[in-house]
Amino acid sequence: MERNYIVPSDAAGVRADKMLARAFPEFSRTALQRAFDAGLVKSGNRSVKRGHPVSSGEELAFSLPEILPAGIRPVAIPLKVLREDSHLLAVDKQPGMVVHPGAGTRDDTLVHALLAHCKGKLSGVGGVERPGIVHRLDRETSGVILVAKNDRAHRGLSEQFSSRMVVKEYLALVSGVPELLSGTVNRPIGRNATQRHKMAVVDGEPRGRDAVTDWEVVERFGSLAALVRCTLHTGRTHQIRVHMKFLGHPLLGDAIYGWKPVAGMSRTPGRIMLHAEHLALRHPITSRKLDLKAPLPDDFRAMIRSLRDDLSRLRKASSRVRRAKA
């Protein structure tokens, strides 16, 4: 869509790129620079450069070039939409879906689905391989993920994440049961020194970055496992997985961080049992409060039911033993 702007009398001599950035704060400077470079900023019928000094009463017309990820085509993949407006989209990402394309991925990533759902209208701030993507979830993690439809929304959301204004709550099933009902892990996280695909609790800078996770036990399944709610105050790679391993309670299904099957557990998890349940933040444009929640997916619910059944069976067996001894 073409936009028009008439230069006010007190702005004569200002560079065209600075003028448009000031007049249209919803667009990033990078987006406007792309418009200049593509010859889409015009005065009359003549394309102008970024440094063009504007004149009082001059009319500038511009449109933004379409940005589509290189080599990535829209694919109509069903999405569970939690909220959508003209600025952002909140999706309940299903387990197993990769967020953005990379080496070894197919055309079934969240980005492929978003390009089809939003008809290509996504923020370009994340780059051509990550259009609209504001934050990340691992492939096996399910739950709420936010997507920006324009650059202004992307900047606003990113600022809230980077300034730690976003409430981020996850549900996790962990091996064993913590002795306490709740606690906080405040230990830096960095790259594992010997296994570069893993992260680890490390001794501060320069290897590690600060990482803080609050946790509380929601439900216990005997000594087999526990349902834990984790609140993140930082956003480090694999943060919950690393911090729960540090506590001695790796996530069910997370073999990379030390989970192993245990006797008495009848169901084997098909993935890492981690779900991004809740995000609370301000709308980047209207400043209204957004409270976004994603229900537990079927496999997570099935795992909880199985653990409850296991606990019931173990209690009955224990009761029979006690009666026999009596």
C-alpha atoms as a PDB file:
ATOM      1  CA  MET A   1       0.000   0.000   0.000  1.00  0.00           C
ATOM      2  CA  GLU A   2       1.359   3.392  -1.009  1.00  0.00           C
ATOM      3  CA  ARG A   3       1.557   6.123   1.629  1.00  0.00           C
ATOM      4  CA  ASN A   4       1.864   9.865   1.083  1.00  0.00           C
ATOM      5  CA  TYR A   5       3.384  12.580   3.246  1.00  0.00           C
ATOM      6  CA  ILE A   6       3.540  16.346   2.765  1.00  0.00           C
ATOM      7  CA  VAL A   7       6.626  17.938   4.309  1.00  0.00           C
ATOM      8  CA  PRO A   8       5.728  20.635   6.882  1.00  0.00           C
ATOM      9  CA  SER A   9       7.235  24.092   6.597  1.00  0.00           C
ATOM     10  CA  ASP A  10       9.523  23.700   9.599  1.00  0.00           C
ATOM     11  CA  ALA A  11      11.222  20.591   8.210  1.00  0.00           C
ATOM     12  CA  ALA A  12      12.859  21.988   5.072  1.00  0.00           C
ATOM     13  CA  GLY A  13      16.332  20.587   4.514  1.00  0.00           C
ATOM     14  CA  VAL A  14      15.864  17.444   6.611  1.00  0.00           C
ATOM     15  CA  ARG A  15      17.041  14.179   5.036  1.00  0.00           C
ATOM     16  CA  ALA A  16      14.196  12.224   3.428  1.00  0.00           C
ATOM     17  CA  ASP A  17      14.977   9.013   5.396  1.00  0.00           C
ATOM     18  CA  LYS A  18      14.955  10.861   8.732  1.00  0.00           C
ATOM     19  CA  MET A  19      11.751  12.672   7.793  1.00  0.00           C
ATOM     20  CA  LEU A  20       9.880   9.470   6.985  1.00  0.00           C
ATOM     21  CA  ALA A  21      11.249   7.692  10.067  1.00  0.00           C
ATOM     22  CA  ARG A  22       9.927  10.548  12.192  1.00  0.00           C
ATOM     23  CA  ALA A  23       6.553  10.672  10.425  1.00  0.00           C
ATOM     24  CA  PHE A  24       5.982   6.891  10.354  1.00  0.00           C
ATOM     25  CA  PRO A  25       7.286   5.386  13.621  1.00  0.00           C
ATOM     26  CA  GLU A  26       5.382   2.168  12.924  1.00  0.00           C
ATOM     27  CA  PHE A  27       8.062   1.294  10.347  1.00  0.00           C
ATOM     28  CA  SER A  28      11.623   0.456  11.317  1.00  0.00           C
ATOM     29  CA  ARG A  29      14.501   2.415   9.821  1.00  0.00           C
ATOM     30  CA  THR A  30      15.623  -0.807   8.154  1.00  0.00           C
ATOM     31  CA  ALA A  31      12.259  -1.202   6.428  1.00  0.00           C
ATOM     32  CA  LEU A  32      12.346   2.387   5.191  1.00  0.00           C
ATOM     33  CA  GLN A  33      15.912   1.955   3.988  1.00  0.00           C
ATOM     34  CA  ARG A  34      14.795  -1.030   1.947  1.00  0.00           C
ATOM     35  CA  ALA A  35      12.113   1.172   0.376  1.00  0.00           C
ATOM     36  CA  PHE A  36      14.720   3.792  -0.591  1.00  0.00           C
ATOM     37  CA  ASP A  37      17.094   1.163  -1.946  1.00  0.00           C
ATOM     38  CA  ALA A  38      14.297  -0.392  -4.031  1.00  0.00           C
ATOM     39  CA  GLY A  39      13.425   2.988  -5.575  1.00  0.00           C
ATOM     40  CA  LEU A  40       9.991   3.005  -3.921  1.00  0.00           C
ATOM     41  CA  VAL A  41      10.296   6.464  -2.325  1.00  0.00           C
ATOM     42  CA  LYS A  42       9.314   9.150  -4.796  1.00  0.00           C
ATOM     43  CA  SER A  43       8.893  12.871  -5.052  1.00  0.00           C
ATOM     44  CA  GLY A  44       6.579  13.442  -7.984  1.00  0.00           C
ATOM     45  CA  ASN A  45       7.583  10.783 -10.507  1.00  0.00           C
ATOM     46  CA  ARG A  46      11.228  10.738  -9.439  1.00  0.00           C
ATOM     47  CA  SER A  47      12.762   8.246  -7.022  1.00  0.00           C
ATOM     48  CA  VAL A  48      14.780   9.911  -4.277  1.00  0.00           C
ATOM     49  CA  LYS A  49      17.727   8.732  -2.226  1.00  0.00           C
ATOM     50  CA  ARG A  50      17.951   8.469   1.536  1.00  0.00           C
ATOM     51  CA  GLY A  51      19.907  11.706   1.858  1.00  0.00           C
ATOM     52  CA  HIS A  52      17.573  13.764  -0.330  1.00  0.00           C
ATOM     53  CA  PRO A  53      16.959  17.140   1.420  1.00  0.00           C
ATOM     54  CA  VAL A  54      13.197  17.689   1.502  1.00  0.00           C
ATOM     55  CA  SER A  55      11.467  20.977   0.763  1.00  0.00           C
ATOM     56  CA  SER A  56       8.525  22.617   2.497  1.00  0.00           C
ATOM     57  CA  GLY A  57       5.281  21.374   0.930  1.00  0.00           C
ATOM     58  CA  GLU A  58       7.036  18.587  -0.983  1.00  0.00           C
ATOM     59  CA  GLU A  59       4.954  15.420  -1.260  1.00  0.00           C
ATOM     60  CA  LEU A  60       6.721  12.119  -0.707  1.00  0.00           C
ATOM     61  CA  ALA A  61       5.068   8.868  -1.738  1.00  0.00           C
ATOM     62  CA  PHE A  62       6.418   5.478  -0.707  1.00  0.00           C
ATOM     63  CA  SER A  63       5.587   1.825  -0.331  1.00  0.00           C
ATOM     64  CA  LEU A  64       7.522  -0.973   1.330  1.00  0.00           C
ATOM     65  CA  PRO A  65       8.946  -3.829  -0.724  1.00  0.00           C
ATOM     66  CA  GLU A  66       7.394  -7.213  -0.066  1.00  0.00           C
ATOM     67  CA  ILE A  67       9.620  -9.369   2.102  1.00  0.00           C
ATOM     68  CA  LEU A  68       9.357 -13.114   1.811  1.00  0.00           C
ATOM     69  CA  PRO A  69      11.912 -15.554   3.146  1.00  0.00           C
ATOM     70  CA  ALA A  70      14.289 -16.638   0.426  1.00  0.00           C
ATOM     71  CA  GLY A  71      13.263 -20.017  -0.931  1.00  0.00           C
ATOM     72  CA  ILE A  72      10.474 -20.481   1.604  1.00  0.00           C
ATOM     73  CA  ARG A  73       6.971 -20.884   0.297  1.00  0.00           C
ATOM     74  CA  PRO A  74       3.716 -20.494   2.213  1.00  0.00           C
ATOM     75  CA  VAL A  75       2.217 -23.836   3.253  1.00  0.00           C
ATOM     76  CA  ALA A  76      -1.366 -24.118   4.492  1.00  0.00           C
ATOM     77  CA  ILE A  77      -0.727 -25.868   7.810  1.00  0.00           C
ATOM     78  CA  PRO A  78      -3.529 -25.625  10.408  1.00  0.00           C
ATOM     79  CA  LEU A  79      -2.644 -23.393  13.360  1.00  0.00           C
ATOM     80  CA  LYS A  80      -4.264 -23.140  16.784  1.00  0.00           C
ATOM     81  CA  VAL A  81      -4.719 -19.380  17.083  1.00  0.00           C
ATOM     82  CA  LEU A  82      -5.111 -18.013  20.609  1.00  0.00           C
ATOM     83  CA  ARG A  83      -5.389 -14.347  19.621  1.00  0.00           C
ATOM     84  CA  GLU A  84      -5.010 -12.331  16.450  1.00  0.00           C
ATOM     85  CA  ASP A  85      -5.315  -8.712  15.373  1.00  0.00           C
ATOM     86  CA  SER A  86      -3.699  -6.526  12.725  1.00  0.00           C
ATOM     87  CA  HIS A  87      -0.453  -6.254  14.711  1.00  0.00           C
ATOM     88  CA  LEU A  88       0.242  -9.644  16.249  1.00  0.00           C
ATOM     89  CA  LEU A  89      -0.664 -13.296  16.380  1.00  0.00           C
ATOM     90  CA  ALA A  90      -0.493 -15.672  19.346  1.00  0.00           C
ATOM     91  CA  VAL A  91      -0.275 -19.341  18.388  1.00  0.00           C
ATOM     92  CA  ASP A  92      -0.530 -22.495  20.477  1.00  0.00           C
ATOM     93  CA  LYS A  93       2.458 -24.295  18.932  1.00  0.00           C
ATOM     94  CA  GLN A  94       2.047 -28.037  18.811  1.00  0.00           C
ATOM     95  CA  PRO A  95       4.844 -30.371  19.978  1.00  0.00           C
ATOM     96  CA  GLY A  96       7.164 -31.484  17.206  1.00  0.00           C
ATOM     97  CA  MET A  97       6.783 -28.341  15.079  1.00  0.00           C
ATOM     98  CA  VAL A  98      10.023 -26.555  14.266  1.00  0.00           C
ATOM     99  CA  VAL A  99       9.654 -22.779  14.560  1.00  0.00           C
ATOM    100  CA  HIS A 100      11.880 -21.547  11.733  1.00  0.00           C
ATOM    101  CA  PRO A 101      13.625 -23.233   8.783  1.00  0.00           C
ATOM    102  CA  GLY A 102      17.173 -24.443   9.079  1.00  0.00           C
ATOM    103  CA  ALA A 103      19.502 -27.202   8.044  1.00  0.00           C
ATOM    104  CA  GLY A 104      17.596 -30.471   7.799  1.00  0.00           C
ATOM    105  CA  THR A 105      14.111 -28.978   8.198  1.00  0.00           C
ATOM    106  CA  ARG A 106      11.266 -29.522   5.769  1.00  0.00           C
ATOM    107  CA  ASP A 107       8.477 -27.224   4.559  1.00  0.00           C
ATOM    108  CA  ASP A 108       6.377 -27.829   7.681  1.00  0.00           C
ATOM    109  CA  THR A 109       7.844 -25.229  10.049  1.00  0.00           C
ATOM    110  CA  LEU A 110       5.882 -22.564  11.870  1.00  0.00           C
ATOM    111  CA  VAL A 111       7.294 -19.969   9.455  1.00  0.00           C
ATOM    112  CA  HIS A 112       5.848 -21.877   6.469  1.00  0.00           C
ATOM    113  CA  ALA A 113       2.471 -21.962   8.200  1.00  0.00           C
ATOM    114  CA  LEU A 114       2.609 -18.283   9.185  1.00  0.00           C
ATOM    115  CA  LEU A 115       3.403 -17.160   5.640  1.00  0.00           C
ATOM    116  CA  ALA A 116       0.225 -18.873   4.472  1.00  0.00           C
ATOM    117  CA  HIS A 117      -1.948 -17.782   7.400  1.00  0.00           C
ATOM    118  CA  CYS A 118      -0.826 -14.134   7.290  1.00  0.00           C
ATOM    119  CA  LYS A 119      -0.450 -14.035   3.497  1.00  0.00           C
ATOM    120  CA  GLY A 120       3.151 -12.918   3.839  1.00  0.00           C
ATOM    121  CA  LYS A 121       2.330  -9.925   6.063  1.00  0.00           C
ATOM    122  CA  LEU A 122       4.912 -10.470   8.781  1.00  0.00           C
ATOM    123  CA  SER A 123       7.572  -8.306  10.383  1.00  0.00           C
ATOM    124  CA  GLY A 124      10.932  -8.368   8.640  1.00  0.00           C
ATOM    125  CA  VAL A 125      12.891  -7.469  11.782  1.00  0.00           C
ATOM    126  CA  GLY A 126      13.746 -11.100  12.442  1.00  0.00           C
ATOM    127  CA  GLY A 127      15.381 -11.495   9.030  1.00  0.00           C
ATOM    128  CA  VAL A 128      14.294 -13.431   5.983  1.00  0.00           C
ATOM    129  CA  GLU A 129      14.515 -16.805   7.719  1.00  0.00           C
ATOM    130  CA  ARG A 130      12.558 -15.684  10.807  1.00  0.00           C
ATOM    131  CA  PRO A 131       9.768 -13.353   9.645  1.00  0.00           C
ATOM    132  CA  GLY A 132       7.647 -12.151  12.542  1.00  0.00           C
ATOM    133  CA  ILE A 133       9.314 -14.440  15.080  1.00  0.00           C
ATOM    134  CA  VAL A 134       9.807 -12.555  18.369  1.00  0.00           C
ATOM    135  CA  HIS A 135      10.971 -15.333  20.697  1.00  0.00           C
ATOM    136  CA  ARG A 136      11.650 -19.046  20.412  1.00  0.00           C
ATOM    137  CA  LEU A 137      10.374 -22.409  21.537  1.00  0.00           C
ATOM    138  CA  ASP A 138      12.273 -25.642  20.993  1.00  0.00           C
ATOM    139  CA  ARG A 139      10.844 -28.168  18.549  1.00  0.00           C
ATOM    140  CA  GLU A 140       9.522 -30.488  21.252  1.00  0.00           C
ATOM    141  CA  THR A 141       8.152 -27.691  23.459  1.00  0.00           C
ATOM    142  CA  SER A 142       4.461 -26.906  23.037  1.00  0.00           C
ATOM    143  CA  GLY A 143       2.539 -23.773  23.969  1.00  0.00           C
ATOM    144  CA  VAL A 144       2.222 -20.029  23.455  1.00  0.00           C
ATOM    145  CA  ILE A 145       4.425 -18.290  20.903  1.00  0.00           C
ATOM    146  CA  LEU A 146       4.016 -14.683  19.767  1.00  0.00           C
ATOM    147  CA  VAL A 147       4.392 -13.466  16.194  1.00  0.00           C
ATOM    148  CA  ALA A 148       4.632  -9.853  15.003  1.00  0.00           C
ATOM    149  CA  LYS A 149       2.829  -8.813  11.829  1.00  0.00           C
ATOM    150  CA  ASN A 150       4.672  -5.523  11.416  1.00  0.00           C
ATOM    151  CA  ASP A 151       7.983  -3.989  12.443  1.00  0.00           C
ATOM    152  CA  ARG A 152       6.518  -1.623  15.024  1.00  0.00           C
ATOM    153  CA  ALA A 153       4.835  -4.508  16.866  1.00  0.00           C
ATOM    154  CA  HIS A 154       8.029  -6.552  16.600  1.00  0.00           C
ATOM    155  CA  ARG A 155      10.100  -3.805  18.210  1.00  0.00           C
ATOM    156  CA  GLY A 156       7.539  -3.299  20.967  1.00  0.00           C
ATOM    157  CA  LEU A 157       7.349  -7.003  21.799  1.00  0.00           C
ATOM    158  CA  SER A 158      11.113  -7.459  21.643  1.00  0.00           C
ATOM    159  CA  GLU A 159      11.635  -4.552  24.038  1.00  0.00           C
ATOM    160  CA  GLN A 160       9.312  -6.163  26.576  1.00  0.00           C
ATOM    161  CA  PHE A 161      11.106  -9.505  26.332  1.00  0.00           C
ATOM    162  CA  SER A 162      14.575  -7.945  26.567  1.00  0.00           C
ATOM    163  CA  SER A 163      13.591  -5.737  29.529  1.00  0.00           C
ATOM    164  CA  ARG A 164      12.067  -8.765  31.312  1.00  0.00           C
ATOM    165  CA  MET A 165       8.575  -7.282  31.443  1.00  0.00           C
ATOM    166  CA  VAL A 166       6.911 -10.451  30.111  1.00  0.00           C
ATOM    167  CA  VAL A 167       5.534 -13.060  32.525  1.00  0.00           C
ATOM    168  CA  LYS A 168       6.598 -16.472  31.168  1.00  0.00           C
ATOM    169  CA  GLU A 169       5.200 -19.573  32.852  1.00  0.00           C
ATOM    170  CA  TYR A 170       5.861 -23.159  31.785  1.00  0.00           C
ATOM    171  CA  LEU A 171       4.601 -26.516  32.990  1.00  0.00           C
ATOM    172  CA  ALA A 172       7.108 -29.356  33.155  1.00  0.00           C
ATOM    173  CA  LEU A 173       7.011 -32.983  34.203  1.00  0.00           C
ATOM    174  CA  VAL A 174      10.233 -33.815  36.035  1.00  0.00           C
ATOM    175  CA  SER A 175      11.822 -37.043  37.172  1.00  0.00           C
ATOM    176  CA  GLY A 176      11.559 -37.603  40.910  1.00  0.00           C
ATOM    177  CA  VAL A 177      10.077 -35.122  43.370  1.00  0.00           C
ATOM    178  CA  PRO A 178      11.840 -32.035  44.791  1.00  0.00           C
ATOM    179  CA  GLU A 179      12.122 -32.002  48.588  1.00  0.00           C
ATOM    180  CA  LEU A 180      10.788 -28.446  48.783  1.00  0.00           C
ATOM    181  CA  LEU A 181       7.449 -27.186  47.497  1.00  0.00           C
ATOM    182  CA  SER A 182       9.039 -24.273  45.654  1.00  0.00           C
ATOM    183  CA  GLY A 183      12.280 -22.458  45.110  1.00  0.00           C
ATOM    184  CA  THR A 184      14.481 -20.381  42.818  1.00  0.00           C
ATOM    185  CA  VAL A 185      17.486 -21.376  40.742  1.00  0.00           C
ATOM    186  CA  ASN A 186      19.759 -18.385  40.183  1.00  0.00           C
ATOM    187  CA  ARG A 187      22.726 -19.856  38.351  1.00  0.00           C
ATOM    188  CA  PRO A 188      24.352 -18.671  35.109  1.00  0.00           C
ATOM    189  CA  ILE A 189      24.020 -20.764  31.966  1.00  0.00           C
ATOM    190  CA  GLY A 190      26.541 -21.169  29.176  1.00  0.00           C
ATOM    191  CA  ARG A 191      27.664 -23.567  26.499  1.00  0.00           C
ATOM    192  CA  ASN A 192      28.758 -27.000  27.719  1.00  0.00           C
ATOM    193  CA  ALA A 193      32.542 -27.087  27.506  1.00  0.00           C
ATOM    194  CA  THR A 194      32.763 -30.567  25.961  1.00  0.00           C
ATOM    195  CA  GLN A 195      29.375 -31.074  24.261  1.00  0.00           C
ATOM    196  CA  ARG A 196      28.658 -27.949  22.239  1.00  0.00           C
ATOM    197  CA  HIS A 197      25.038 -28.902  21.485  1.00  0.00           C
ATOM    198  CA  LYS A 198      24.265 -28.735  25.211  1.00  0.00           C
ATOM    199  CA  MET A 199      24.064 -25.932  27.748  1.00  0.00           C
ATOM    200  CA  ALA A 200      25.152 -26.143  31.387  1.00  0.00           C
ATOM    201  CA  VAL A 201      25.270 -24.261  34.674  1.00  0.00           C
ATOM    202  CA  VAL A 202      28.672 -22.537  34.590  1.00  0.00           C
ATOM    203  CA  ASP A 203      30.713 -20.193  36.742  1.00  0.00           C
ATOM    204  CA  GLY A 204      29.662 -16.733  35.613  1.00  0.00           C
ATOM    205  CA  GLU A 205      31.216 -14.525  32.960  1.00  0.00           C
ATOM    206  CA  PRO A 206      32.603 -14.874  30.402  1.00  0.00           C
ATOM    207  CA  ARG A 207      31.287 -18.407  29.897  1.00  0.00           C
ATOM    208  CA  GLY A 208      27.841 -17.977  31.413  1.00  0.00           C
ATOM    209  CA  ARG A 209      24.984 -15.504  31.360  1.00  0.00           C
ATOM    210  CA  ASP A 210      22.692 -14.834  34.308  1.00  0.00           C
ATOM    211  CA  ALA A 211      19.643 -17.098  34.447  1.00  0.00           C
ATOM    212  CA  VAL A 212      16.846 -17.109  37.020  1.00  0.00           C
ATOM    213  CA  THR A 213      14.041 -19.679  37.258  1.00  0.00           C
ATOM    214  CA  ASP A 214      11.325 -19.775  39.935  1.00  0.00           C
ATOM    215  CA  TRP A 215       9.663 -23.163  40.373  1.00  0.00           C
ATOM    216  CA  GLU A 216       6.832 -24.672  42.384  1.00  0.00           C
ATOM    217  CA  VAL A 217       5.445 -28.187  42.645  1.00  0.00           C
ATOM    218  CA  VAL A 218       1.876 -28.424  41.313  1.00  0.00           C
ATOM    219  CA  GLU A 219       1.333 -32.177  41.720  1.00  0.00           C
ATOM    220  CA  ARG A 220       3.350 -35.123  42.989  1.00  0.00           C
ATOM    221  CA  PHE A 221       3.175 -38.648  41.605  1.00  0.00           C
ATOM    222  CA  GLY A 222       4.641 -40.554  44.525  1.00  0.00           C
ATOM    223  CA  SER A 223       8.396 -40.628  44.081  1.00  0.00           C
ATOM    224  CA  LEU A 224       8.134 -41.172  40.316  1.00  0.00           C
ATOM    225  CA  ALA A 225       7.692 -37.654  39.047  1.00  0.00           C
ATOM    226  CA  ALA A 226       6.243 -34.213  39.702  1.00  0.00           C
ATOM    227  CA  LEU A 227       4.349 -31.582  37.738  1.00  0.00           C
ATOM    228  CA  VAL A 228       6.234 -28.313  38.199  1.00  0.00           C
ATOM    229  CA  ARG A 229       5.391 -24.753  37.169  1.00  0.00           C
ATOM    230  CA  CYS A 230       8.460 -22.758  36.161  1.00  0.00           C
ATOM    231  CA  THR A 231       8.516 -18.974  35.829  1.00  0.00           C
ATOM    232  CA  LEU A 232      11.370 -17.556  33.770  1.00  0.00           C
ATOM    233  CA  HIS A 233      12.947 -14.211  34.605  1.00  0.00           C
ATOM    234  CA  THR A 234      15.505 -14.618  31.830  1.00  0.00           C
ATOM    235  CA  GLY A 235      15.416 -16.373  28.478  1.00  0.00           C
ATOM    236  CA  ARG A 236      18.503 -18.534  28.136  1.00  0.00           C
ATOM    237  CA  THR A 237      18.708 -21.476  25.744  1.00  0.00           C
ATOM    238  CA  HIS A 238      17.361 -24.659  27.420  1.00  0.00           C
ATOM    239  CA  GLN A 239      17.017 -22.706  30.681  1.00  0.00           C
ATOM    240  CA  ILE A 240      14.345 -24.848  32.365  1.00  0.00           C
ATOM    241  CA  ARG A 241      15.949 -28.075  31.183  1.00  0.00           C
ATOM    242  CA  VAL A 242      19.355 -27.041  32.535  1.00  0.00           C
ATOM    243  CA  HIS A 243      18.108 -25.637  35.837  1.00  0.00           C
ATOM    244  CA  MET A 244      15.905 -28.637  36.625  1.00  0.00           C
ATOM    245  CA  LYS A 245      18.815 -30.965  35.835  1.00  0.00           C
ATOM    246  CA  PHE A 246      20.917 -28.844  38.201  1.00  0.00           C
ATOM    247  CA  LEU A 247      18.318 -29.547  40.915  1.00  0.00           C
ATOM    248  CA  GLY A 248      18.598 -33.273  40.178  1.00  0.00           C
ATOM    249  CA  HIS A 249      15.213 -33.524  38.452  1.00  0.00           C
ATOM    250  CA  PRO A 250      15.612 -33.627  34.647  1.00  0.00           C
ATOM    251  CA  LEU A 251      12.487 -33.298  32.534  1.00  0.00           C
ATOM    252  CA  LEU A 252      10.754 -36.505  31.504  1.00  0.00           C
ATOM    253  CA  GLY A 253      11.885 -37.493  28.011  1.00  0.00           C
ATOM    254  CA  ASP A 254      14.945 -35.231  28.120  1.00  0.00           C
ATOM    255  CA  ALA A 255      17.718 -37.780  27.572  1.00  0.00           C
ATOM    256  CA  ILE A 256      20.151 -35.027  26.553  1.00  0.00           C
ATOM    257  CA  TYR A 257      20.035 -33.648  30.089  1.00  0.00           C
ATOM    258  CA  GLY A 258      20.081 -36.928  31.937  1.00  0.00           C
ATOM    259  CA  TRP A 259      16.560 -38.361  32.017  1.00  0.00           C
ATOM    260  CA  LYS A 260      16.340 -42.140  32.143  1.00  0.00           C
ATOM    261  CA  PRO A 261      13.277 -44.425  32.302  1.00  0.00           C
ATOM    262  CA  VAL A 262      12.447 -45.576  35.823  1.00  0.00           C
ATOM    263  CA  ALA A 263      10.731 -48.677  37.151  1.00  0.00           C
ATOM    264  CA  GLY A 264       7.083 -48.178  37.928  1.00  0.00           C
ATOM    265  CA  MET A 265       6.438 -45.706  35.119  1.00  0.00           C
ATOM    266  CA  SER A 266       4.243 -47.505  32.595  1.00  0.00           C
ATOM    267  CA  ARG A 267       4.234 -44.833  29.878  1.00  0.00           C
ATOM    268  CA  THR A 268       7.348 -43.604  28.100  1.00  0.00           C
ATOM    269  CA  PRO A 269       7.161 -39.933  27.120  1.00  0.00           C
ATOM    270  CA  GLY A 270       7.355 -39.361  23.391  1.00  0.00           C
ATOM    271  CA  ARG A 271       9.099 -36.018  23.789  1.00  0.00           C
ATOM    272  CA  ILE A 272      10.484 -33.625  26.374  1.00  0.00           C
ATOM    273  CA  MET A 273       7.578 -32.851  28.705  1.00  0.00           C
ATOM    274  CA  LEU A 274       7.653 -29.043  28.597  1.00  0.00           C
ATOM    275  CA  HIS A 275       4.742 -26.710  27.804  1.00  0.00           C
ATOM    276  CA  ALA A 276       4.734 -22.896  27.524  1.00  0.00           C
ATOM    277  CA  GLU A 277       1.447 -22.401  29.326  1.00  0.00           C
ATOM    278  CA  HIS A 278       1.187 -18.668  29.948  1.00  0.00           C
ATOM    279  CA  LEU A 279       2.460 -15.318  28.660  1.00  0.00           C
ATOM    280  CA  ALA A 280       1.373 -11.995  30.169  1.00  0.00           C
ATOM    281  CA  LEU A 281       2.477  -8.685  28.656  1.00  0.00           C
ATOM    282  CA  ARG A 282       1.265  -5.399  27.169  1.00  0.00           C
ATOM    283  CA  HIS A 283      -0.007  -5.071  23.620  1.00  0.00           C
ATOM    284  CA  PRO A 284       2.867  -3.378  21.752  1.00  0.00           C
ATOM    285  CA  ILE A 285       0.543  -0.840  20.091  1.00  0.00           C
ATOM    286  CA  THR A 286      -2.455  -0.312  22.409  1.00  0.00           C
ATOM    287  CA  SER A 287      -0.665  -1.059  25.711  1.00  0.00           C
ATOM    288  CA  ARG A 288      -3.632  -3.154  26.814  1.00  0.00           C
ATOM    289  CA  LYS A 289      -2.836  -6.161  28.982  1.00  0.00           C
ATOM    290  CA  LEU A 290      -2.557  -9.459  27.127  1.00  0.00           C
ATOM    291  CA  ASP A 291      -3.047 -12.642  29.123  1.00  0.00           C
ATOM    292  CA  LEU A 292      -2.371 -15.610  26.855  1.00  0.00           C
ATOM    293  CA  LYS A 293      -2.803 -19.227  27.924  1.00  0.00           C
ATOM    294  CA  ALA A 294      -2.441 -22.473  25.994  1.00  0.00           C
ATOM    295  CA  PRO A 295      -4.136 -25.652  27.253  1.00  0.00           C
ATOM    296  CA  LEU A 296      -2.047 -28.737  27.822  1.00  0.00           C
ATOM    297  CA  PRO A 297      -1.749 -30.816  24.632  1.00  0.00           C
ATOM    298  CA  ASP A 298      -3.123 -34.344  24.478  1.00  0.00           C
ATOM    299  CA  ASP A 299       0.204 -36.124  24.971  1.00  0.00           C
ATOM    300  CA  PHE A 300       0.984 -34.093  28.088  1.00  0.00           C
ATOM    301  CA  ARG A 301      -2.451 -34.823  29.565  1.00  0.00           C
ATOM    302  CA  ALA A 302      -2.052 -38.513  28.731  1.00  0.00           C
ATOM    303  CA  MET A 303       1.301 -38.579  30.536  1.00  0.00           C
ATOM    304  CA  ILE A 304      -0.265 -37.029  33.642  1.00  0.00           C
ATOM    305  CA  ARG A 305      -3.130 -39.557  33.590  1.00  0.00           C
ATOM    306  CA  SER A 306      -0.639 -42.394  33.234  1.00  0.00           C
ATOM    307  CA  LEU A 307       1.415 -41.135  36.189  1.00  0.00           C
ATOM    308  CA  ARG A 308      -1.720 -40.899  38.324  1.00  0.00           C
ATOM    309  CA  ASP A 309      -2.603 -44.472  37.384  1.00  0.00           C
ATOM    310  CA  ASP A 310       0.948 -45.601  38.176  1.00  0.00           C
ATOM    311  CA  LEU A 311       0.751 -43.929  41.585  1.00  0.00           C
ATOM    312  CA  SER A 312      -2.600 -45.559  42.325  1.00  0.00           C
ATOM    313  CA  ARG A 313      -1.265 -48.961  41.308  1.00  0.00           C
ATOM    314  CA  LEU A 314       1.865 -48.563  43.463  1.00  0.00           C
ATOM    315  CA  ARG A 315      -0.215 -47.500  46.465  1.00  0.00           C
ATOM    316  CA  LYS A 316      -2.498 -50.513  46.086  1.00  0.00           C
ATOM    317  CA  ALA A 317       0.495 -52.824  45.828  1.00  0.00           C
ATOM    318  CA  SER A 318       2.048 -51.254  48.922  1.00  0.00           C
ATOM    319  CA  SER A 319      -1.232 -51.636  50.801  1.00  0.00           C
ATOM    320  CA  ARG A 320      -1.415 -55.309  49.903  1.00  0.00           C
ATOM    321  CA  VAL A 321       2.121 -55.833  51.195  1.00  0.00           C
ATOM    322  CA  ARG A 322       1.314 -54.121  54.487  1.00  0.00           C
ATOM    323  CA  ARG A 323      -1.821 -56.242  54.955  1.00  0.00           C
ATOM    324  CA  ALA A 324       0.112 -59.390  54.181  1.00  0.00           C
ATOM    325  CA  LYS A 325       2.757 -58.504  56.794  1.00  0.00           C
ATOM    326  CA  ALA A 326       0.035 -57.750  59.348  1.00  0.00           C
END
